[in-house]
Amino acid sequence: MLKVYWIMLGLTLGLFSGVAAQQSEDKKYLLSSMTSQIGWSTLELNDGYLSDLPYNGFGMHVNTTLRRFMSLENNRISLRNDFDLFVGAAVNMPQTASIAYIGGNGGLGMQAHFKPLKNFQVLVGGELDAEMGIKAYSREVNNAGNLDLAANLNLAVTIRYDLPVWKNHVRLQADFRSPLLGLMFVPVRGESYSEIYYFQNYENLFHLSSLHNKYGLNARYLIQIPINKSFVNIGLHSEYLKYAANNMVFRRKTTSLEIGVSCDLVLFGGSKNRAPARFISSEW
């Protein structure tokens, strides 16, 4: 899962940085901005397929967001890519069993930029994402693990405020993503994955999701401090997801303290050394 994460990130970086690698001095180029965060997180899990008990533990979360305007002519709509990876473990209250969890998410979306006030931006749009997670159950039972698999259409909202500080500014940013529609995989309680494969019983495995059976909020709050040609970020990330199918309820809740960096891929953005006019960043 970690190898796939870095491969996907590398391919996207190569795609996004292609235009900025041009050498012409009199032509404008689009910059690709990157924000990467890493944090230590609490973890709460409920998996009705594995156990009716709640599980609590800790984990590590990594996120990278890439953003670029659609074109030089259209600098009010930006393209965004999100990559998330979480690794953690949790135990139940009696401490009789544990669940090891690793999950990843990749998304592609667009947002429209609005600047209603000076130093204030609101970005509104949507994002398509695909999610996969693996849960390994420690008890020797018929169901030794479970697979989280889903595709979603998310509402994506970003709010930015640039707070003037001396001759510079500190950016306050909040980013929200919430699932609206999608498709999710949920097995039938008591039926193992080997039985599903052996008997080829694929009924009631895939379910349409909407606000009636799946809801959640992925929120990230950042304080971005300019340092030389980039930003150092201090943030809080929280995710709450709950969904139900096949008479079972599933829940995941994480809260992370994060640190990270934000920069333009060719390192022209930042504090005193702003990018020349021919370089157009989606951050400003």
C-alpha atoms as a PDB file:
ATOM      1  CA  MET A   1       0.000   0.000   0.000  1.00  0.00           C
ATOM      2  CA  LEU A   2       2.848   2.408   0.866  1.00  0.00           C
ATOM      3  CA  LYS A   3       4.643   1.601  -2.392  1.00  0.00           C
ATOM      4  CA  VAL A   4       1.474   2.231  -4.409  1.00  0.00           C
ATOM      5  CA  TYR A   5       1.019   5.574  -2.601  1.00  0.00           C
ATOM      6  CA  TRP A   6       4.457   6.856  -3.587  1.00  0.00           C
ATOM      7  CA  ILE A   7       4.146   5.543  -7.168  1.00  0.00           C
ATOM      8  CA  MET A   8       0.819   7.363  -7.641  1.00  0.00           C
ATOM      9  CA  LEU A   9       2.240  10.537  -6.086  1.00  0.00           C
ATOM     10  CA  GLY A  10       5.331  10.421  -8.316  1.00  0.00           C
ATOM     11  CA  LEU A  11       3.304   9.951 -11.489  1.00  0.00           C
ATOM     12  CA  THR A  12       1.028  12.859 -10.592  1.00  0.00           C
ATOM     13  CA  LEU A  13       3.983  15.116  -9.746  1.00  0.00           C
ATOM     14  CA  GLY A  14       5.491  14.342 -13.129  1.00  0.00           C
ATOM     15  CA  LEU A  15       2.241  15.164 -14.894  1.00  0.00           C
ATOM     16  CA  PHE A  16       1.703  18.404 -12.990  1.00  0.00           C
ATOM     17  CA  SER A  17       5.254  19.718 -13.328  1.00  0.00           C
ATOM     18  CA  GLY A  18       5.565  19.167 -17.076  1.00  0.00           C
ATOM     19  CA  VAL A  19       4.409  22.624 -18.121  1.00  0.00           C
ATOM     20  CA  ALA A  20       6.519  24.447 -15.526  1.00  0.00           C
ATOM     21  CA  ALA A  21       9.681  22.845 -16.907  1.00  0.00           C
ATOM     22  CA  GLN A  22       9.572  24.970 -20.074  1.00  0.00           C
ATOM     23  CA  GLN A  23      12.462  27.360 -20.633  1.00  0.00           C
ATOM     24  CA  SER A  24      10.843  30.311 -22.388  1.00  0.00           C
ATOM     25  CA  GLU A  25      11.305  33.652 -20.623  1.00  0.00           C
ATOM     26  CA  ASP A  26       8.394  35.560 -22.156  1.00  0.00           C
ATOM     27  CA  LYS A  27       5.611  33.029 -21.697  1.00  0.00           C
ATOM     28  CA  LYS A  28       3.431  32.462 -18.638  1.00  0.00           C
ATOM     29  CA  TYR A  29       3.421  29.036 -16.999  1.00  0.00           C
ATOM     30  CA  LEU A  30       1.175  27.363 -14.480  1.00  0.00           C
ATOM     31  CA  LEU A  31       2.670  26.380 -11.158  1.00  0.00           C
ATOM     32  CA  SER A  32       1.583  23.267  -9.288  1.00  0.00           C
ATOM     33  CA  SER A  33       1.323  23.721  -5.543  1.00  0.00           C
ATOM     34  CA  MET A  34       1.907  20.842  -3.149  1.00  0.00           C
ATOM     35  CA  THR A  35       0.920  20.465   0.500  1.00  0.00           C
ATOM     36  CA  SER A  36       2.199  17.413   2.378  1.00  0.00           C
ATOM     37  CA  GLN A  37       1.264  16.562   5.969  1.00  0.00           C
ATOM     38  CA  ILE A  38       2.202  13.804   8.406  1.00  0.00           C
ATOM     39  CA  GLY A  39       0.673  13.260  11.819  1.00  0.00           C
ATOM     40  CA  TRP A  40       0.138  10.999  14.823  1.00  0.00           C
ATOM     41  CA  SER A  41      -3.484  10.051  15.270  1.00  0.00           C
ATOM     42  CA  THR A  42      -6.037   8.487  17.575  1.00  0.00           C
ATOM     43  CA  LEU A  43      -8.177   5.771  15.998  1.00  0.00           C
ATOM     44  CA  GLU A  44     -11.691   4.506  16.723  1.00  0.00           C
ATOM     45  CA  LEU A  45     -13.132   1.601  14.730  1.00  0.00           C
ATOM     46  CA  ASN A  46     -16.455  -0.190  14.576  1.00  0.00           C
ATOM     47  CA  ASP A  47     -16.753  -3.067  12.115  1.00  0.00           C
ATOM     48  CA  GLY A  48     -20.023  -4.986  12.305  1.00  0.00           C
ATOM     49  CA  TYR A  49     -18.613  -7.764  10.113  1.00  0.00           C
ATOM     50  CA  LEU A  50     -15.767  -8.557  12.529  1.00  0.00           C
ATOM     51  CA  SER A  51     -17.178  -7.628  15.930  1.00  0.00           C
ATOM     52  CA  ASP A  52     -19.970  -5.693  17.626  1.00  0.00           C
ATOM     53  CA  LEU A  53     -17.494  -4.089  20.049  1.00  0.00           C
ATOM     54  CA  PRO A  54     -15.795  -0.712  19.487  1.00  0.00           C
ATOM     55  CA  TYR A  55     -12.004  -0.658  19.073  1.00  0.00           C
ATOM     56  CA  ASN A  56      -9.668   2.181  20.101  1.00  0.00           C
ATOM     57  CA  GLY A  57      -6.032   2.768  19.317  1.00  0.00           C
ATOM     58  CA  PHE A  58      -3.452   4.908  17.536  1.00  0.00           C
ATOM     59  CA  GLY A  59      -1.940   5.329  14.101  1.00  0.00           C
ATOM     60  CA  MET A  60      -0.065   7.513  11.629  1.00  0.00           C
ATOM     61  CA  HIS A  61      -1.592   9.557   8.836  1.00  0.00           C
ATOM     62  CA  VAL A  62       0.049  10.942   5.658  1.00  0.00           C
ATOM     63  CA  ASN A  63      -1.628  13.310   3.190  1.00  0.00           C
ATOM     64  CA  THR A  64      -0.514  15.067   0.011  1.00  0.00           C
ATOM     65  CA  THR A  65      -2.640  17.557  -1.939  1.00  0.00           C
ATOM     66  CA  LEU A  66      -1.640  18.844  -5.381  1.00  0.00           C
ATOM     67  CA  ARG A  67      -3.363  21.787  -7.016  1.00  0.00           C
ATOM     68  CA  ARG A  68      -3.104  23.727 -10.295  1.00  0.00           C
ATOM     69  CA  PHE A  69      -5.353  26.070 -12.262  1.00  0.00           C
ATOM     70  CA  MET A  70      -7.103  24.482 -15.217  1.00  0.00           C
ATOM     71  CA  SER A  71      -5.407  26.816 -17.714  1.00  0.00           C
ATOM     72  CA  LEU A  72      -3.782  30.231 -18.029  1.00  0.00           C
ATOM     73  CA  GLU A  73      -7.046  31.600 -19.411  1.00  0.00           C
ATOM     74  CA  ASN A  74      -9.165  30.040 -16.671  1.00  0.00           C
ATOM     75  CA  ASN A  75      -7.617  30.930 -13.325  1.00  0.00           C
ATOM     76  CA  ARG A  76     -10.867  30.709 -11.377  1.00  0.00           C
ATOM     77  CA  ILE A  77     -11.099  26.910 -11.450  1.00  0.00           C
ATOM     78  CA  SER A  78      -8.367  24.651 -10.093  1.00  0.00           C
ATOM     79  CA  LEU A  79      -7.701  20.943 -10.416  1.00  0.00           C
ATOM     80  CA  ARG A  80      -6.847  19.120  -7.177  1.00  0.00           C
ATOM     81  CA  ASN A  81      -5.452  15.679  -6.369  1.00  0.00           C
ATOM     82  CA  ASP A  82      -5.564  14.173  -2.887  1.00  0.00           C
ATOM     83  CA  PHE A  83      -3.618  11.167  -1.618  1.00  0.00           C
ATOM     84  CA  ASP A  84      -4.168   9.790   1.897  1.00  0.00           C
ATOM     85  CA  LEU A  85      -2.567   6.884   3.746  1.00  0.00           C
ATOM     86  CA  PHE A  86      -3.361   5.691   7.276  1.00  0.00           C
ATOM     87  CA  VAL A  87      -1.737   2.894   9.295  1.00  0.00           C
ATOM     88  CA  GLY A  88      -2.891   2.004  12.783  1.00  0.00           C
ATOM     89  CA  ALA A  89      -4.022  -0.584  15.322  1.00  0.00           C
ATOM     90  CA  ALA A  90      -6.840  -0.707  17.859  1.00  0.00           C
ATOM     91  CA  VAL A  91      -8.014  -2.987  20.684  1.00  0.00           C
ATOM     92  CA  ASN A  92     -11.423  -3.547  22.277  1.00  0.00           C
ATOM     93  CA  MET A  93     -12.249  -2.499  25.838  1.00  0.00           C
ATOM     94  CA  PRO A  94     -11.824  -6.005  27.377  1.00  0.00           C
ATOM     95  CA  GLN A  95      -8.487  -6.214  25.509  1.00  0.00           C
ATOM     96  CA  THR A  96      -9.397  -9.641  24.151  1.00  0.00           C
ATOM     97  CA  ALA A  97      -8.843  -8.805  20.466  1.00  0.00           C
ATOM     98  CA  SER A  98      -7.226  -6.234  18.214  1.00  0.00           C
ATOM     99  CA  ILE A  99      -7.618  -4.919  14.666  1.00  0.00           C
ATOM    100  CA  ALA A 100      -4.675  -3.817  12.518  1.00  0.00           C
ATOM    101  CA  TYR A 101      -5.717  -1.319   9.864  1.00  0.00           C
ATOM    102  CA  ILE A 102      -4.112   0.105   6.735  1.00  0.00           C
ATOM    103  CA  GLY A 103      -6.082   2.251   4.333  1.00  0.00           C
ATOM    104  CA  GLY A 104      -5.536   4.572   1.414  1.00  0.00           C
ATOM    105  CA  ASN A 105      -7.501   7.051  -0.647  1.00  0.00           C
ATOM    106  CA  GLY A 106      -6.906   8.823  -3.953  1.00  0.00           C
ATOM    107  CA  GLY A 107      -9.068  11.619  -5.331  1.00  0.00           C
ATOM    108  CA  LEU A 108      -9.370  13.921  -8.346  1.00  0.00           C
ATOM    109  CA  GLY A 109     -11.570  17.013  -8.292  1.00  0.00           C
ATOM    110  CA  MET A 110     -12.140  20.622  -9.289  1.00  0.00           C
ATOM    111  CA  GLN A 111     -12.925  23.733  -7.270  1.00  0.00           C
ATOM    112  CA  ALA A 112     -14.079  27.223  -8.240  1.00  0.00           C
ATOM    113  CA  HIS A 113     -12.217  30.123  -6.580  1.00  0.00           C
ATOM    114  CA  PHE A 114     -14.097  33.054  -5.048  1.00  0.00           C
ATOM    115  CA  LYS A 115     -12.529  36.122  -3.395  1.00  0.00           C
ATOM    116  CA  PRO A 116     -15.393  37.997  -1.693  1.00  0.00           C
ATOM    117  CA  LEU A 117     -13.043  40.010   0.541  1.00  0.00           C
ATOM    118  CA  LYS A 118      -9.419  41.091   0.605  1.00  0.00           C
ATOM    119  CA  ASN A 119      -7.133  38.272   1.810  1.00  0.00           C
ATOM    120  CA  PHE A 120     -10.130  35.916   1.921  1.00  0.00           C
ATOM    121  CA  GLN A 121     -10.805  33.015  -0.456  1.00  0.00           C
ATOM    122  CA  VAL A 122     -13.523  30.373  -0.691  1.00  0.00           C
ATOM    123  CA  LEU A 123     -13.044  27.338  -2.964  1.00  0.00           C
ATOM    124  CA  VAL A 124     -16.108  25.209  -3.718  1.00  0.00           C
ATOM    125  CA  GLY A 125     -16.358  22.103  -5.881  1.00  0.00           C
ATOM    126  CA  GLY A 126     -16.427  18.326  -5.988  1.00  0.00           C
ATOM    127  CA  GLU A 127     -14.081  15.380  -6.027  1.00  0.00           C
ATOM    128  CA  LEU A 128     -14.226  11.769  -7.184  1.00  0.00           C
ATOM    129  CA  ASP A 129     -12.236   9.386  -5.006  1.00  0.00           C
ATOM    130  CA  ALA A 130     -11.500   5.696  -4.557  1.00  0.00           C
ATOM    131  CA  GLU A 131     -10.841   4.197  -1.130  1.00  0.00           C
ATOM    132  CA  MET A 132      -9.399   0.879  -0.032  1.00  0.00           C
ATOM    133  CA  GLY A 133      -8.634  -0.396   3.451  1.00  0.00           C
ATOM    134  CA  ILE A 134      -7.619  -3.730   4.979  1.00  0.00           C
ATOM    135  CA  LYS A 135      -8.508  -4.797   8.535  1.00  0.00           C
ATOM    136  CA  ALA A 136      -6.768  -7.807  10.073  1.00  0.00           C
ATOM    137  CA  TYR A 137      -8.533  -9.370  13.074  1.00  0.00           C
ATOM    138  CA  SER A 138      -6.378 -10.995  15.767  1.00  0.00           C
ATOM    139  CA  ARG A 139      -8.875 -13.628  16.963  1.00  0.00           C
ATOM    140  CA  GLU A 140      -8.951 -17.034  15.296  1.00  0.00           C
ATOM    141  CA  VAL A 141     -12.490 -16.936  13.921  1.00  0.00           C
ATOM    142  CA  ASN A 142     -14.127 -17.607  10.575  1.00  0.00           C
ATOM    143  CA  ASN A 143     -13.746 -13.947   9.557  1.00  0.00           C
ATOM    144  CA  ALA A 144     -10.054 -13.145   9.953  1.00  0.00           C
ATOM    145  CA  GLY A 145     -10.290  -9.758   8.265  1.00  0.00           C
ATOM    146  CA  ASN A 146     -12.359  -7.371   6.234  1.00  0.00           C
ATOM    147  CA  LEU A 147     -11.915  -5.180   3.174  1.00  0.00           C
ATOM    148  CA  ASP A 148     -13.066  -1.562   2.909  1.00  0.00           C
ATOM    149  CA  LEU A 149     -13.681  -0.688  -0.735  1.00  0.00           C
ATOM    150  CA  ALA A 150     -15.622   2.327  -1.989  1.00  0.00           C
ATOM    151  CA  ALA A 151     -15.886   5.010  -4.662  1.00  0.00           C
ATOM    152  CA  ASN A 152     -17.386   8.392  -3.785  1.00  0.00           C
ATOM    153  CA  LEU A 153     -18.475  11.728  -5.152  1.00  0.00           C
ATOM    154  CA  ASN A 154     -17.503  14.260  -2.482  1.00  0.00           C
ATOM    155  CA  LEU A 155     -18.349  17.864  -1.766  1.00  0.00           C
ATOM    156  CA  ALA A 156     -15.042  19.754  -1.407  1.00  0.00           C
ATOM    157  CA  VAL A 157     -14.816  23.176   0.266  1.00  0.00           C
ATOM    158  CA  THR A 158     -11.656  25.134   1.155  1.00  0.00           C
ATOM    159  CA  ILE A 159     -11.542  28.401   3.111  1.00  0.00           C
ATOM    160  CA  ARG A 160      -8.417  30.582   3.263  1.00  0.00           C
ATOM    161  CA  TYR A 161      -7.587  33.764   5.099  1.00  0.00           C
ATOM    162  CA  ASP A 162      -4.226  35.529   4.813  1.00  0.00           C
ATOM    163  CA  LEU A 163      -3.510  37.250   8.118  1.00  0.00           C
ATOM    164  CA  PRO A 164      -1.069  40.166   7.693  1.00  0.00           C
ATOM    165  CA  VAL A 165       1.924  39.845  10.034  1.00  0.00           C
ATOM    166  CA  TRP A 166       4.654  42.478   9.751  1.00  0.00           C
ATOM    167  CA  LYS A 167       5.657  42.620   6.066  1.00  0.00           C
ATOM    168  CA  ASN A 168       4.357  39.147   5.399  1.00  0.00           C
ATOM    169  CA  HIS A 169       1.272  37.047   6.124  1.00  0.00           C
ATOM    170  CA  VAL A 170       0.265  33.854   7.891  1.00  0.00           C
ATOM    171  CA  ARG A 171      -2.365  31.778   6.140  1.00  0.00           C
ATOM    172  CA  LEU A 172      -5.238  30.188   8.023  1.00  0.00           C
ATOM    173  CA  GLN A 173      -6.841  27.401   6.005  1.00  0.00           C
ATOM    174  CA  ALA A 174      -9.695  24.962   6.541  1.00  0.00           C
ATOM    175  CA  ASP A 175     -10.436  22.164   4.082  1.00  0.00           C
ATOM    176  CA  PHE A 176     -13.552  19.976   4.155  1.00  0.00           C
ATOM    177  CA  ARG A 177     -14.582  16.897   2.158  1.00  0.00           C
ATOM    178  CA  SER A 178     -17.844  14.998   2.617  1.00  0.00           C
ATOM    179  CA  PRO A 179     -19.293  12.020   0.653  1.00  0.00           C
ATOM    180  CA  LEU A 180     -22.563  12.631  -1.217  1.00  0.00           C
ATOM    181  CA  LEU A 181     -23.004   9.642  -3.562  1.00  0.00           C
ATOM    182  CA  GLY A 182     -21.076   6.476  -4.243  1.00  0.00           C
ATOM    183  CA  LEU A 183     -20.701   2.732  -4.394  1.00  0.00           C
ATOM    184  CA  MET A 184     -19.404   0.592  -1.520  1.00  0.00           C
ATOM    185  CA  PHE A 185     -18.477  -3.034  -0.920  1.00  0.00           C
ATOM    186  CA  VAL A 186     -19.946  -4.667   2.212  1.00  0.00           C
ATOM    187  CA  PRO A 187     -19.947  -8.460   2.752  1.00  0.00           C
ATOM    188  CA  VAL A 188     -22.784 -10.386   4.402  1.00  0.00           C
ATOM    189  CA  ARG A 189     -22.397 -11.023   8.127  1.00  0.00           C
ATOM    190  CA  GLY A 190     -21.176 -14.546   8.859  1.00  0.00           C
ATOM    191  CA  GLU A 191     -20.097 -15.291   5.293  1.00  0.00           C
ATOM    192  CA  SER A 192     -16.320 -15.574   4.933  1.00  0.00           C
ATOM    193  CA  TYR A 193     -14.386 -14.339   1.915  1.00  0.00           C
ATOM    194  CA  SER A 194     -13.397 -17.913   1.054  1.00  0.00           C
ATOM    195  CA  GLU A 195     -17.087 -18.877   0.975  1.00  0.00           C
ATOM    196  CA  ILE A 196     -17.889 -15.916  -1.259  1.00  0.00           C
ATOM    197  CA  TYR A 197     -15.165 -17.011  -3.679  1.00  0.00           C
ATOM    198  CA  TYR A 198     -15.865 -20.745  -3.521  1.00  0.00           C
ATOM    199  CA  PHE A 199     -19.653 -20.518  -3.937  1.00  0.00           C
ATOM    200  CA  GLN A 200     -19.453 -17.420  -6.175  1.00  0.00           C
ATOM    201  CA  ASN A 201     -22.200 -15.780  -4.164  1.00  0.00           C
ATOM    202  CA  TYR A 202     -21.886 -12.116  -5.101  1.00  0.00           C
ATOM    203  CA  GLU A 203     -25.354 -10.967  -4.087  1.00  0.00           C
ATOM    204  CA  ASN A 204     -25.650  -8.068  -1.629  1.00  0.00           C
ATOM    205  CA  LEU A 205     -21.952  -7.250  -1.817  1.00  0.00           C
ATOM    206  CA  PHE A 206     -22.115  -3.872  -3.582  1.00  0.00           C
ATOM    207  CA  HIS A 207     -24.404  -1.089  -2.397  1.00  0.00           C
ATOM    208  CA  LEU A 208     -25.220   2.391  -3.598  1.00  0.00           C
ATOM    209  CA  SER A 209     -24.404   4.968  -0.946  1.00  0.00           C
ATOM    210  CA  SER A 210     -25.833   8.389  -0.252  1.00  0.00           C
ATOM    211  CA  LEU A 211     -26.653  10.473   2.781  1.00  0.00           C
ATOM    212  CA  HIS A 212     -29.285   7.947   3.906  1.00  0.00           C
ATOM    213  CA  ASN A 213     -26.736   5.189   4.613  1.00  0.00           C
ATOM    214  CA  LYS A 214     -23.323   6.887   4.541  1.00  0.00           C
ATOM    215  CA  TYR A 215     -22.156  10.192   5.902  1.00  0.00           C
ATOM    216  CA  GLY A 216     -18.904  11.673   7.093  1.00  0.00           C
ATOM    217  CA  LEU A 217     -16.596  14.664   7.237  1.00  0.00           C
ATOM    218  CA  ASN A 218     -12.882  14.875   6.480  1.00  0.00           C
ATOM    219  CA  ALA A 219     -11.614  18.181   7.904  1.00  0.00           C
ATOM    220  CA  ARG A 220      -8.126  19.688   7.992  1.00  0.00           C
ATOM    221  CA  TYR A 221      -7.236  22.969   9.739  1.00  0.00           C
ATOM    222  CA  LEU A 222      -3.844  24.507   8.979  1.00  0.00           C
ATOM    223  CA  ILE A 223      -1.741  27.419  10.171  1.00  0.00           C
ATOM    224  CA  GLN A 224       0.730  28.076   7.362  1.00  0.00           C
ATOM    225  CA  ILE A 225       3.852  30.026   8.346  1.00  0.00           C
ATOM    226  CA  PRO A 226       6.051  31.411   5.533  1.00  0.00           C
ATOM    227  CA  ILE A 227       9.663  30.248   5.727  1.00  0.00           C
ATOM    228  CA  ASN A 228      11.980  31.341   2.914  1.00  0.00           C
ATOM    229  CA  LYS A 229      10.366  30.016  -0.298  1.00  0.00           C
ATOM    230  CA  SER A 230       7.757  27.735   1.238  1.00  0.00           C
ATOM    231  CA  PHE A 231       5.337  27.351   4.131  1.00  0.00           C
ATOM    232  CA  VAL A 232       5.682  25.296   7.286  1.00  0.00           C
ATOM    233  CA  ASN A 233       2.280  23.968   8.340  1.00  0.00           C
ATOM    234  CA  ILE A 234       0.932  23.118  11.773  1.00  0.00           C
ATOM    235  CA  GLY A 235      -2.455  21.495  11.678  1.00  0.00           C
ATOM    236  CA  LEU A 236      -5.265  19.446  13.091  1.00  0.00           C
ATOM    237  CA  HIS A 237      -6.921  16.737  10.992  1.00  0.00           C
ATOM    238  CA  SER A 238     -10.120  14.918  11.853  1.00  0.00           C
ATOM    239  CA  GLU A 239     -12.141  12.324   9.973  1.00  0.00           C
ATOM    240  CA  TYR A 240     -15.499  10.808  10.861  1.00  0.00           C
ATOM    241  CA  LEU A 241     -17.128   8.210   8.619  1.00  0.00           C
ATOM    242  CA  LYS A 242     -20.200   6.076   9.320  1.00  0.00           C
ATOM    243  CA  TYR A 243     -22.056   3.783   6.942  1.00  0.00           C
ATOM    244  CA  ALA A 244     -24.506   0.890   7.142  1.00  0.00           C
ATOM    245  CA  ALA A 245     -25.400  -2.059   4.898  1.00  0.00           C
ATOM    246  CA  ASN A 246     -26.521  -5.693   5.272  1.00  0.00           C
ATOM    247  CA  ASN A 247     -27.833  -4.915   8.794  1.00  0.00           C
ATOM    248  CA  MET A 248     -24.348  -3.916   9.988  1.00  0.00           C
ATOM    249  CA  VAL A 249     -22.871  -0.577  11.031  1.00  0.00           C
ATOM    250  CA  PHE A 250     -19.312   0.533  10.303  1.00  0.00           C
ATOM    251  CA  ARG A 251     -17.566   3.574  11.780  1.00  0.00           C
ATOM    252  CA  ARG A 252     -14.114   5.123  11.591  1.00  0.00           C
ATOM    253  CA  LYS A 253     -12.981   8.178  13.533  1.00  0.00           C
ATOM    254  CA  THR A 254      -9.482   9.679  13.603  1.00  0.00           C
ATOM    255  CA  THR A 255      -7.966  12.834  15.074  1.00  0.00           C
ATOM    256  CA  SER A 256      -4.413  13.855  14.146  1.00  0.00           C
ATOM    257  CA  LEU A 257      -1.915  16.532  15.093  1.00  0.00           C
ATOM    258  CA  GLU A 258       0.077  17.273  11.947  1.00  0.00           C
ATOM    259  CA  ILE A 259       3.134  19.042  10.653  1.00  0.00           C
ATOM    260  CA  GLY A 260       4.007  19.586   7.004  1.00  0.00           C
ATOM    261  CA  VAL A 261       5.103  21.887   4.217  1.00  0.00           C
ATOM    262  CA  SER A 262       3.496  23.728   1.294  1.00  0.00           C
ATOM    263  CA  CYS A 263       5.385  24.907  -1.769  1.00  0.00           C
ATOM    264  CA  ASP A 264       5.200  25.376  -5.507  1.00  0.00           C
ATOM    265  CA  LEU A 265       6.864  22.548  -7.345  1.00  0.00           C
ATOM    266  CA  VAL A 266       9.474  24.838  -8.909  1.00  0.00           C
ATOM    267  CA  LEU A 267       9.927  26.707  -5.613  1.00  0.00           C
ATOM    268  CA  PHE A 268       9.034  30.215  -6.759  1.00  0.00           C
ATOM    269  CA  GLY A 269       6.220  30.674  -4.188  1.00  0.00           C
ATOM    270  CA  GLY A 270       6.841  31.719  -0.612  1.00  0.00           C
ATOM    271  CA  SER A 271       7.385  34.806   1.498  1.00  0.00           C
ATOM    272  CA  LYS A 272       9.731  37.506   0.128  1.00  0.00           C
ATOM    273  CA  ASN A 273      10.688  35.850  -3.138  1.00  0.00           C
ATOM    274  CA  ARG A 274       7.365  35.696  -4.932  1.00  0.00           C
ATOM    275  CA  ALA A 275       7.043  34.027  -8.300  1.00  0.00           C
ATOM    276  CA  PRO A 276       7.533  36.274 -11.358  1.00  0.00           C
ATOM    277  CA  ALA A 277       4.385  37.312 -13.219  1.00  0.00           C
ATOM    278  CA  ARG A 278       4.832  34.635 -15.872  1.00  0.00           C
ATOM    279  CA  PHE A 279       4.361  31.916 -13.219  1.00  0.00           C
ATOM    280  CA  ILE A 280       0.737  31.480 -12.123  1.00  0.00           C
ATOM    281  CA  SER A 281       0.077  29.676  -8.832  1.00  0.00           C
ATOM    282  CA  SER A 282      -3.314  28.444  -7.628  1.00  0.00           C
ATOM    283  CA  GLU A 283      -2.375  29.417  -4.083  1.00  0.00           C
ATOM    284  CA  TRP A 284      -2.532  33.201  -4.588  1.00  0.00           C
END
